[in-house]
Protein backbone atom coordinates (compact mmCIF):
# COMPACT_ATOMS: atom_id res chain seq x y z
CA UNK A 1 -51.87 -61.43 87.84
CA UNK A 2 -54.06 -59.46 85.72
CA UNK A 3 -52.58 -56.46 86.84
CA UNK A 4 -49.23 -57.68 85.99
CA UNK A 5 -50.28 -58.42 82.68
CA UNK A 6 -51.54 -54.95 82.12
CA UNK A 7 -48.02 -53.55 83.32
CA UNK A 8 -46.18 -55.44 80.95
CA UNK A 9 -48.69 -54.43 78.34
CA UNK A 10 -48.10 -51.05 78.95
CA UNK A 11 -44.29 -51.72 78.93
CA UNK A 12 -44.64 -53.22 75.54
CA UNK A 13 -46.66 -50.50 73.95
CA UNK A 14 -43.91 -47.72 75.55
CA UNK A 15 -41.13 -49.94 74.15
CA UNK A 16 -43.07 -50.26 70.50
CA UNK A 17 -43.65 -46.21 70.55
CA UNK A 18 -39.80 -45.78 71.69
CA UNK A 19 -38.64 -48.20 68.62
CA UNK A 20 -40.99 -45.99 66.48
CA UNK A 21 -39.80 -42.77 67.46
CA UNK A 22 -36.21 -43.65 67.36
CA UNK A 23 -36.84 -45.32 63.73
CA UNK A 24 -38.95 -42.15 62.79
CA UNK A 25 -35.99 -40.14 63.93
CA UNK A 26 -33.21 -42.23 62.14
CA UNK A 27 -35.68 -41.82 59.01
CA UNK A 28 -35.24 -37.90 59.34
CA UNK A 29 -32.09 -37.82 60.01
CA UNK A 30 -31.37 -40.02 57.10
CA UNK A 31 -33.67 -37.88 54.76
CA UNK A 32 -32.29 -34.65 56.06
CA UNK A 33 -28.78 -36.06 55.41
CA UNK A 34 -29.79 -36.77 51.73
CA UNK A 35 -31.25 -33.38 51.11
CA UNK A 36 -28.21 -31.81 52.49
CA UNK A 37 -26.47 -33.85 50.34
CA UNK A 38 -28.46 -32.70 46.99
CA UNK A 39 -28.44 -29.13 48.37
CA UNK A 40 -24.93 -29.27 48.41
CA UNK A 41 -24.36 -31.11 44.89
CA UNK A 42 -26.63 -28.17 43.34
CA UNK A 43 -24.85 -25.56 44.83
CA UNK A 44 -21.73 -27.21 43.56
CA UNK A 45 -23.25 -27.83 40.42
CA UNK A 46 -24.83 -24.07 40.08
CA UNK A 47 -21.23 -22.58 41.09
CA UNK A 48 -19.42 -24.96 38.35
CA UNK A 49 -22.08 -23.86 35.66
CA UNK A 50 -21.77 -20.18 36.50
CA UNK A 51 -17.88 -20.33 36.16
CA UNK A 52 -18.55 -22.21 33.03
CA UNK A 53 -20.68 -19.22 31.78
CA UNK A 54 -18.27 -16.80 32.96
CA UNK A 55 -15.56 -18.53 31.40
CA UNK A 56 -17.53 -19.11 28.25
CA UNK A 57 -18.04 -15.18 28.38
CA UNK A 58 -14.53 -14.90 28.89
CA UNK A 59 -13.70 -16.77 25.89
CA UNK A 60 -16.30 -14.96 23.66
CA UNK A 61 -14.67 -11.49 24.82
CA UNK A 62 -11.34 -12.80 24.08
CA UNK A 63 -12.56 -14.02 20.60
CA UNK A 64 -14.01 -10.41 19.99
CA UNK A 65 -11.17 -8.70 21.13
CA UNK A 66 -8.93 -10.61 19.00
CA UNK A 67 -11.42 -9.92 15.82
CA UNK A 68 -11.14 -6.20 16.73
CA UNK A 69 -7.42 -6.16 17.04
CA UNK A 70 -6.98 -8.23 13.88
CA UNK A 71 -9.31 -5.47 12.12
CA UNK A 72 -7.20 -2.78 13.69
CA UNK A 73 -3.72 -4.08 12.53
CA UNK A 74 -5.45 -4.29 8.93
CA UNK A 75 -6.67 -0.75 9.31
CA UNK A 76 -3.19 0.29 10.90
CA UNK A 77 -1.47 -1.39 7.91
CA UNK A 78 -4.05 0.52 5.14
CA UNK A 79 -3.53 3.93 7.27
CA UNK A 80 0.23 3.24 6.87
CA UNK A 81 0.03 2.94 3.58
CA UNK A 82 -1.81 5.93 3.31
CA UNK A 83 0.53 7.99 5.40
CA UNK A 84 3.34 6.93 3.28
CA UNK A 85 1.24 8.07 0.27
CA UNK A 86 0.84 11.27 1.56
CA UNK A 87 4.28 11.78 2.51
CA UNK A 88 5.28 10.86 -1.10
CA UNK A 89 4.83 13.87 -2.83
CA UNK A 90 5.42 12.80 -6.49
CA UNK A 91 2.71 9.79 -5.80
CA UNK A 92 0.18 12.94 -5.23
CA UNK A 93 1.29 15.10 -8.06
CA UNK A 94 1.29 12.59 -10.35
CA UNK A 95 -2.55 11.33 -9.38
CA UNK A 96 -3.34 15.27 -9.27
CA UNK A 97 -1.87 15.73 -12.78
CA UNK A 98 -3.49 12.76 -14.12
CA UNK A 99 -6.86 14.13 -12.91
CA UNK A 100 -6.01 17.77 -14.34
CA UNK A 101 -5.03 16.12 -17.71
CA UNK A 102 -7.88 13.75 -18.23
CA UNK A 103 -10.84 16.26 -16.87
CA UNK A 104 -9.66 19.49 -17.36
CA UNK A 105 -11.76 20.20 -20.39
CA UNK A 106 -14.86 18.66 -19.67
CA UNK A 107 -18.05 21.01 -19.77
CA UNK A 108 -20.19 20.73 -16.70
CA UNK A 109 -23.75 22.25 -17.22
CA UNK A 110 -25.18 24.69 -14.81
CA UNK A 111 -29.16 23.76 -14.86
CA UNK A 112 -30.90 26.73 -13.16
CA UNK A 113 -34.44 26.01 -12.32
CA UNK A 114 -36.78 28.68 -12.64
CA UNK A 115 -40.61 29.47 -12.41
CA UNK A 116 -42.09 33.27 -11.47
CA UNK A 117 -39.50 34.75 -9.43
CA UNK A 118 -37.56 38.21 -10.77
CA UNK A 119 -35.11 37.56 -8.06
CA UNK A 120 -33.63 35.15 -10.21
CA UNK A 121 -31.75 37.95 -11.68
CA UNK A 122 -29.47 37.88 -8.50
CA UNK A 123 -28.55 34.13 -8.84
CA UNK A 124 -28.01 34.70 -12.58
CA UNK A 125 -25.75 37.53 -12.11
CA UNK A 126 -23.80 36.26 -9.25
CA UNK A 127 -23.56 32.74 -12.09
CA UNK A 128 -22.18 34.90 -14.97
CA UNK A 129 -19.78 36.94 -12.32
CA UNK A 130 -18.28 33.80 -10.71
CA UNK A 131 -17.81 31.72 -13.90
CA UNK A 132 -14.43 31.35 -14.84
CA UNK A 133 -15.05 29.85 -18.85
CA UNK A 134 -18.20 29.97 -20.58
CA UNK A 135 -17.47 26.88 -22.41
CA UNK A 136 -16.68 24.96 -19.30
CA UNK A 137 -19.92 25.87 -17.44
CA UNK A 138 -22.51 26.49 -19.98
CA UNK A 139 -25.61 27.62 -18.20
CA UNK A 140 -28.91 26.50 -19.13
CA UNK A 141 -31.99 27.88 -17.63
CA UNK A 142 -35.41 26.04 -17.27
CA UNK A 143 -38.20 27.71 -16.83
CA UNK A 144 -41.73 26.55 -15.72
CA UNK A 145 -44.97 28.45 -14.81
CA UNK A 146 -44.90 30.44 -18.35
CA UNK A 147 -44.13 33.76 -16.38
CA UNK A 148 -43.69 36.05 -19.11
CA UNK A 149 -41.69 38.82 -17.00
CA UNK A 150 -39.58 36.13 -15.86
CA UNK A 151 -38.98 34.57 -19.02
CA UNK A 152 -38.27 38.20 -20.66
CA UNK A 153 -35.57 38.65 -17.95
CA UNK A 154 -34.07 35.40 -18.72
CA UNK A 155 -33.84 36.05 -22.26
CA UNK A 156 -32.33 39.51 -21.48
CA UNK A 157 -29.00 37.90 -21.03
CA UNK A 158 -28.78 36.66 -24.76
CA UNK A 159 -25.89 34.21 -25.35
CA UNK A 160 -24.64 34.20 -21.92
CA UNK A 161 -27.01 31.42 -21.03
CA UNK A 162 -29.77 28.91 -22.78
CA UNK A 163 -33.15 29.03 -21.83
CA UNK A 164 -35.53 26.08 -22.29
CA UNK A 165 -39.17 26.30 -21.18
CA UNK A 166 -41.23 23.42 -19.57
CA UNK A 167 -43.84 22.63 -22.23
CA UNK A 168 -46.47 21.01 -19.93
CA UNK A 169 -48.13 23.81 -17.79
CA UNK A 170 -51.16 21.65 -17.50
CA UNK A 171 -52.72 21.41 -13.94
CA UNK A 172 -52.42 18.60 -11.57
CA UNK A 173 -55.74 17.38 -10.29
CA UNK A 174 -55.21 16.52 -6.47
CA UNK A 175 -58.04 15.79 -4.17
CA UNK A 176 -58.33 16.19 -0.56
CA UNK A 177 -55.42 17.50 1.66
CA UNK A 178 -53.02 16.64 -0.91
CA UNK A 179 -54.24 20.08 -2.96
CA UNK A 180 -52.42 22.33 -1.05
CA UNK A 181 -49.07 20.14 -2.09
CA UNK A 182 -49.97 20.71 -5.47
CA UNK A 183 -46.21 22.68 -5.95
CA UNK A 184 -44.47 19.84 -4.98
CA UNK A 185 -45.82 17.95 -7.69
CA UNK A 186 -45.37 20.68 -10.47
CA UNK A 187 -41.59 20.90 -8.83
CA UNK A 188 -41.16 17.21 -9.49
CA UNK A 189 -42.70 17.11 -12.75
CA UNK A 190 -40.44 20.04 -13.82
CA UNK A 191 -37.29 18.40 -12.27
CA UNK A 192 -37.78 15.26 -14.51
CA UNK A 193 -38.39 16.90 -17.97
CA UNK A 194 -34.99 19.42 -17.34
CA UNK A 195 -32.99 16.77 -16.15
CA UNK A 196 -34.16 14.54 -19.36
CA UNK A 197 -33.40 17.38 -21.59
CA UNK A 198 -29.69 18.40 -20.08
CA UNK A 199 -28.57 14.65 -19.74
CA UNK A 200 -30.72 13.20 -22.96
CA UNK A 201 -31.54 15.83 -25.49
CA UNK A 202 -28.41 18.49 -24.92
CA UNK A 203 -26.26 15.46 -23.61
CA UNK A 204 -24.13 16.48 -21.23
CA UNK A 205 -22.41 13.86 -19.06
CA UNK A 206 -22.64 16.01 -15.87
CA UNK A 207 -24.60 18.92 -14.46
CA UNK A 208 -24.92 21.10 -11.53
CA UNK A 209 -28.46 21.69 -10.36
CA UNK A 210 -29.14 25.32 -8.58
CA UNK A 211 -32.56 26.88 -8.12
CA UNK A 212 -33.19 30.46 -8.76
CA UNK A 213 -33.21 31.56 -5.24
CA UNK A 214 -29.54 30.70 -4.16
CA UNK A 215 -26.61 32.95 -3.71
CA UNK A 216 -23.55 31.21 -4.56
CA UNK A 217 -19.87 31.92 -3.19
CA UNK A 218 -16.61 32.92 -5.10
CA UNK A 219 -15.34 29.60 -5.19
CA UNK A 220 -18.50 27.98 -6.23
CA UNK A 221 -17.23 26.76 -9.75
CA UNK A 222 -13.64 25.91 -8.38
CA UNK A 223 -15.46 23.60 -5.84
CA UNK A 224 -17.43 21.65 -8.28
CA UNK A 225 -14.44 21.49 -10.71
CA UNK A 226 -11.68 20.15 -8.20
CA UNK A 227 -14.24 17.66 -6.78
CA UNK A 228 -15.66 16.09 -10.50
CA UNK A 229 -12.78 14.07 -10.96
CA UNK A 230 -13.24 12.22 -7.80
CA UNK A 231 -17.09 11.83 -8.49
CA UNK A 232 -16.31 10.45 -11.91
CA UNK A 233 -14.32 7.52 -10.64
CA UNK A 234 -15.39 6.75 -7.12
CA UNK A 235 -18.29 4.51 -7.22
CA UNK A 236 -19.18 4.95 -3.88
CA UNK A 237 -20.14 8.88 -4.68
CA UNK A 238 -23.37 9.69 -6.70
CA UNK A 239 -23.29 13.43 -5.74
CA UNK A 240 -21.40 16.63 -4.50
CA UNK A 241 -23.38 19.19 -3.03
CA UNK A 242 -22.27 22.96 -1.86
CA UNK A 243 -24.87 22.68 0.96
CA UNK A 244 -24.11 22.08 5.19
CA UNK A 245 -27.62 21.58 6.41
CA UNK A 246 -25.72 22.65 9.97
CA UNK A 247 -23.68 25.00 8.20
CA UNK A 248 -25.23 28.03 10.97
CA UNK A 249 -22.36 30.21 12.36
CA UNK A 250 -21.18 28.82 15.70
CA UNK A 251 -21.73 25.22 14.33
CA UNK A 252 -18.85 25.32 11.92
CA UNK A 253 -14.93 25.95 12.33
CA UNK A 254 -13.56 29.04 10.67
CA UNK A 255 -12.01 26.38 7.79
CA UNK A 256 -13.32 26.76 4.10
CA UNK A 257 -11.02 24.06 3.01
CA UNK A 258 -12.61 21.40 5.02
CA UNK A 259 -14.83 18.85 3.23
CA UNK A 260 -16.36 15.64 4.26
CA UNK A 261 -18.29 12.77 2.68
CA UNK A 262 -22.12 12.46 3.73
CA UNK A 263 -24.86 9.65 3.94
CA UNK A 264 -27.49 12.38 3.45
CA UNK A 265 -28.43 13.76 0.20
CA UNK A 266 -28.07 17.61 0.87
CA UNK A 267 -29.42 19.26 -2.26
CA UNK A 268 -29.16 22.96 -2.83
CA UNK A 269 -26.64 23.33 -5.17
CA UNK A 270 -25.72 19.86 -6.24
CA UNK A 271 -23.92 17.87 -9.09
CA UNK A 272 -24.68 14.55 -10.43
CA UNK A 273 -23.58 12.52 -13.60
CA UNK A 274 -25.42 11.36 -16.22
CA UNK A 275 -25.01 7.52 -15.32
CA UNK A 276 -26.93 8.65 -12.16
CA UNK A 277 -29.85 10.13 -13.88
CA UNK A 278 -30.21 7.10 -16.15
CA UNK A 279 -30.32 4.57 -13.30
CA UNK A 280 -33.33 6.58 -11.17
CA UNK A 281 -35.36 8.27 -13.92
CA UNK A 282 -37.90 5.38 -14.50
CA UNK A 283 -38.94 5.86 -11.01
CA UNK A 284 -38.99 9.84 -10.59
CA UNK A 285 -41.54 10.01 -8.19
CA UNK A 286 -44.67 12.37 -8.58
CA UNK A 287 -43.85 14.88 -5.79
CA UNK A 288 -41.22 15.59 -3.19
CA UNK A 289 -38.55 14.15 -5.48
CA UNK A 290 -35.52 15.01 -3.09
CA UNK A 291 -37.23 12.89 -0.02
CA UNK A 292 -37.14 9.99 -2.55
CA UNK A 293 -33.70 10.54 -4.05
CA UNK A 294 -32.86 9.75 -0.09
CA UNK A 295 -34.29 6.45 0.20
CA UNK A 296 -32.03 3.61 0.50
CA UNK A 297 -33.46 2.11 -2.95
CA UNK A 298 -32.14 5.20 -4.85
CA UNK A 299 -29.30 5.75 -2.30
CA UNK A 300 -27.88 2.33 -2.41
CA UNK A 301 -25.12 3.29 0.47
CA UNK A 302 -23.60 5.62 -2.05
CA UNK A 303 -22.30 8.91 -0.65
CA UNK A 304 -21.97 12.89 -1.47
CA UNK A 305 -19.30 15.12 -0.92
CA UNK A 306 -20.00 18.47 1.17
CA UNK A 307 -18.09 21.21 2.62
CA UNK A 308 -17.69 22.71 6.06
CA UNK A 309 -18.70 25.91 5.41
CA UNK A 310 -21.43 26.28 2.49
CA UNK A 311 -21.00 27.58 -1.10
CA UNK A 312 -24.61 28.27 -1.42
CA UNK A 313 -27.33 29.81 0.48
CA UNK A 314 -31.06 30.17 -0.19
CA UNK A 315 -32.72 33.91 -0.21
CA UNK A 316 -36.00 32.11 -1.19
CA UNK A 317 -38.13 32.67 1.84
CA UNK A 318 -41.32 32.37 -0.14
CA UNK A 319 -41.69 29.41 -1.95
CA UNK A 320 -43.71 26.19 -1.75
CA UNK A 321 -42.65 25.21 1.70
CA UNK A 322 -44.22 28.62 2.93
CA UNK A 323 -40.77 29.40 4.28
CA UNK A 324 -40.20 26.40 6.42
CA UNK A 325 -37.33 26.17 8.29
CA UNK A 326 -35.97 29.67 6.85
CA UNK A 327 -36.81 31.84 9.79
CA UNK A 328 -35.30 29.59 12.32
CA UNK A 329 -32.51 27.98 10.39
CA UNK A 330 -31.74 28.68 6.89
CA UNK A 331 -31.29 32.30 7.16
CA UNK A 332 -28.38 31.45 9.56
CA UNK A 333 -26.55 29.33 7.30
CA UNK A 334 -22.92 30.67 6.35
CA UNK A 335 -22.15 31.27 2.90
CA UNK A 336 -18.34 31.01 2.41
CA UNK A 337 -16.55 34.27 1.29
CA UNK A 338 -13.25 33.31 0.94
CA UNK A 339 -11.53 31.50 -2.29
CA UNK A 340 -9.88 28.23 -1.98
CA UNK A 341 -8.01 27.03 -4.76
CA UNK A 342 -9.33 23.35 -4.61
CA UNK A 343 -7.93 22.58 -8.05
CA UNK A 344 -4.55 23.16 -6.71
CA UNK A 345 -5.32 20.97 -3.59
CA UNK A 346 -5.09 17.14 -3.39
CA UNK A 347 -8.68 15.84 -2.61
CA UNK A 348 -7.82 12.29 -2.98
CA UNK A 349 -8.34 11.92 0.71
CA UNK A 350 -12.00 11.81 -0.06
CA UNK A 351 -11.94 8.51 -2.01
CA UNK A 352 -13.61 6.03 0.46
CA UNK A 353 -10.91 3.41 1.21
CA UNK A 354 -8.93 6.49 2.59
CA UNK A 355 -11.40 8.30 3.97
CA UNK A 356 -13.11 5.61 5.96
CA UNK A 357 -10.22 4.70 7.95
CA UNK A 358 -9.06 8.45 8.69
CA UNK A 359 -12.32 9.81 9.69
CA UNK A 360 -13.51 6.55 11.87
CA UNK A 361 -10.07 6.68 13.68
CA UNK A 362 -10.35 10.04 14.28
CA UNK A 363 -13.99 9.76 15.48
CA UNK A 364 -13.50 7.07 17.83
CA UNK A 365 -10.20 7.64 19.54
CA UNK A 366 -11.65 11.26 20.21
CA UNK A 367 -12.32 11.37 24.04
CA UNK A 368 -16.22 10.30 24.81
CA UNK A 369 -17.79 13.16 26.96
CA UNK A 370 -21.32 13.76 28.25
CA UNK A 371 -23.19 17.06 27.20
CA UNK A 372 -23.20 18.60 30.54
CA UNK A 373 -19.35 17.85 30.62
CA UNK A 374 -19.11 19.68 27.32
CA UNK A 375 -21.56 22.85 28.29
CA UNK A 376 -19.62 23.11 31.44
CA UNK A 377 -16.07 23.31 29.83
CA UNK A 378 -14.77 20.71 32.20
CA UNK A 379 -12.33 19.44 29.44
CA UNK A 380 -9.04 20.52 29.15
CA UNK A 381 -7.05 20.87 25.75
CA UNK A 382 -8.52 21.66 22.22
CA UNK A 383 -8.93 18.12 20.53
CA UNK A 384 -11.67 16.46 19.04
CA UNK A 385 -14.51 15.10 21.41
CA UNK A 386 -17.16 12.65 20.99
CA UNK A 387 -20.74 12.40 22.26
CA UNK A 388 -22.59 8.87 21.99
CA UNK A 389 -25.99 8.71 21.02
CA UNK A 390 -27.95 5.45 21.20
CA UNK A 391 -31.37 5.66 19.76
CA UNK A 392 -33.46 8.39 17.72
CA UNK A 393 -34.68 9.91 20.75
CA UNK A 394 -31.13 10.80 22.25
CA UNK A 395 -29.89 11.90 19.14
CA UNK A 396 -33.14 14.10 19.14
CA UNK A 397 -32.33 15.35 22.53
CA UNK A 398 -28.50 16.05 22.18
CA UNK A 399 -29.07 17.99 18.69
CA UNK A 400 -31.90 20.26 20.19
CA UNK A 401 -29.18 21.15 22.60
CA UNK A 402 -26.68 22.38 20.00
CA UNK A 403 -29.18 23.67 17.27
CA UNK A 404 -28.59 20.84 14.90
CA UNK A 405 -31.11 19.92 12.58
CA UNK A 406 -32.65 16.80 14.43
CA UNK A 407 -34.79 15.29 11.71
CA UNK A 408 -33.97 11.97 9.98
CA UNK A 409 -34.68 11.11 6.13
CA UNK A 410 -35.05 7.38 5.81
CA UNK A 411 -33.32 6.99 8.88
CA UNK A 412 -30.33 8.86 8.02
CA UNK A 413 -29.71 12.37 10.03
CA UNK A 414 -28.63 15.46 8.14
CA UNK A 415 -24.92 15.57 7.17
CA UNK A 416 -24.45 11.91 8.79
CA UNK A 417 -21.85 9.60 7.64
CA UNK A 418 -21.83 6.45 9.01
CA UNK A 419 -24.00 7.57 11.61
CA UNK A 420 -21.72 10.36 12.93
CA UNK A 421 -22.88 14.05 12.69
CA UNK A 422 -19.50 16.12 12.75
CA UNK A 423 -20.08 19.82 13.62
CA UNK A 424 -18.26 22.40 15.95
CA UNK A 425 -18.76 23.81 19.49
CA UNK A 426 -16.85 26.84 20.44
CA UNK A 427 -14.72 25.94 17.29
CA UNK A 428 -14.01 22.63 18.66
CA UNK A 429 -14.39 19.48 16.53
CA UNK A 430 -17.27 17.38 17.83
CA UNK A 431 -18.63 14.32 16.49
CA UNK A 432 -22.04 13.13 17.66
CA UNK A 433 -21.91 9.44 17.15
CA UNK A 434 -23.22 6.33 17.44
CA UNK A 435 -21.57 3.15 19.27
CA UNK A 436 -18.46 1.78 17.44
CA UNK A 437 -20.29 -1.33 16.26
CA UNK A 438 -22.53 0.92 14.06
CA UNK A 439 -23.90 -1.38 11.20
CA UNK A 440 -26.41 0.81 9.22
CA UNK A 441 -29.30 3.31 9.62
CA UNK A 442 -33.02 2.05 10.94
CA UNK A 443 -35.10 3.40 8.46
CA UNK A 444 -38.07 3.64 11.10
CA UNK A 445 -36.26 6.39 12.45
């Protein structure tokens, strides 16, 4: 009886165990099913989310393309108007005639900065030789330093020019490492005084600033006379320069008529109006005036006109910069020798509203190539090409390959316009350009 009871008890235990296992299996199966449902739902919702993101991205791209298309349509409409005007000889003739009639008798002062170089004779002889009219281009020589032989030489030109002498020859006291840069402080002091004399005492409206170590091209005066009206009426310009910082043989096309806008102040023979001087004179720096004038606070997004082939060339290897850049770069700049009758050309394309559309269209419609492709000559045709840079370092790497000036001033590369540096390679136009969405210069570059 006892044995049978134990057997019944064991059977009961086994039955309960089996029941527990069965229920456990059901629970596990149910839990697995729930997990599976959750996983499926998650994957489905994730795919749906990704599809939504992709759809949103597509919509965003469509909106961007639509905006770009509308912008392009507007640009094309403007371009069509420009082309119609280009084809309208009467339009340009009347525009050119109005410029000539209004500005033909304006006197533009040639302000020559001098110190102690007897070689100023070379510069003055060329200015007088190529000057078409003494009344239209009066020469004023401003001498610093008090160097008597140089003063006597300048005075030997008699009534062909006017000599003014900087009265402040006092020493400039500097301490520490700045002592060796004293020359830059004296130059800046001289510039402020001489520009004040020309614009405020002698009352000239416009001046072409020249230093005593510059050779000038035969069409130097013609170039400045023809660009003066544009500088006068276009508020987006603040200077005209005779200088191309990348104007070495091999980096320029053999076309002396090519002119450009540039955001970089080139200097080395440049024209400025009195209103700009009055605007900037009160903040004139104690030293390094040229780098100061390139800062955004002075430039205010204004541009200069510059030539493809320089109308000036420096022969002054010795100076306060101790020949900096001269042996490696400056002595290789090509000076134009061909007389271009610019006053008989229509230069209204240099106005911003015309220039920007045509220039940027030409740049960004040019096929994009790599440096390697360009150097290995694997590109057919002879049209313009574009090389893209994305940051400061990539610009410098590319510039060094071609022998371009690779430095920046307040974030602006030399000769750049809207970030684009235009040069020639094997007589083919190359644009070293940022991406098309360029929005401005980074002053930290």
